[in-house]
């Protein structure tokens, strides 16, 4: 039986970040990955992810985003690669909509500098948007931008490896069994034991933590071709637009002179069936854009309404749409990390730091009660 200090199951965004932050502390860490860091079979791919400081999902996410931003800059220094590009961003919708009211609430709680726009100002500043109601408003978040998921995961894994971490690729963990003196980790061809284990398995997390009510779902990533000018990211920055109570569209302009990335918010009336991550459909069909395309034609007529590029992705939704980060109820030797709920990537480096602190018993600097497992288990 092979003995290690801390094991990490999965090197997607959060797992790779945790591996790096543990290795940074000189902890002996071994990470297990069924594919390879930066793969396209989970939740951490698709070229870009939105980064927002005024996080509409919860006011305490502001400090988490700020912590993550500092770690993005540190990882950029180590890797020499651009991982986070600040473009500014706008949320558009009715004043009491989730997209607008949530961003304002987060900004006010953290005393962030934001700019308020009237409907007329939204139309003038962002003429790409059609069907802006007179009752709509906008909120500008100057700290918003886009992060690069594949680059970030590979950079974190490389930084961890440079600092002594071992990353075992092409290896599927079949069991995690806590005991009084350690945690047994089983793979197809070996048995390991660790003092602590971080299970950051993404859509596969429910198999390791059935006590959590997590739902993995398939969600398509879609890119559209402009018909008109004005869709470079400088003109069409990070955008959240709430069209009605059950419809939120997110996206950003082209970062390479070609396609515009758009999607539907998974937390607003977008019904997606639970999937088995080992049997997820990796093909694409018109059903993947059947709801989004009519919306694009209506509110962004300067784009071709049928996407030019489509890729399947998976997210894992928690009952309250917040992450699940912390100790399992049966053993504090097992830490779980998941329930991304479609808005975790911007926070992944901060969450890796949180997990590293948990694993070695360091005090936390962030407010975490709203993401701890205890809120869901009683």
Foldseek 3Di string as FASTA:
>chain_A
DAEAAEEEEALFLQSLLLLLLLLVVVGAYEYEAQADQLDFLAFQADFKDKQFLLDLLDLLCNVLLVVLVVVQVVLCVVPVDRFWDFQKEKEKDACPASRNVSSVVSCVVVVADKDKAFLVRCCVLAVLWPPRDNRMIMIIGRRMTIGTRSVSSVSSNVSSVVSPYHYHYSWHWDAWADDPQFIWTDTPPDIYTYQAYEYAPFLCVCVHVVVFPKFKFKAKKFKWWFQDPQQAQNRFPWYWYDPDQQWIKTWGGDPPPTITIMGTQPVRNDDTHGDDSVDDDFDDDVVNCVPPLVVCCRTRVRIRSDTPDMTMYMAMAGPSLAWEWAADPVDNRYIYTGNNSRPCSSSSSSSSNVNSCSSVVHDDDGDCPVRYCVVVND
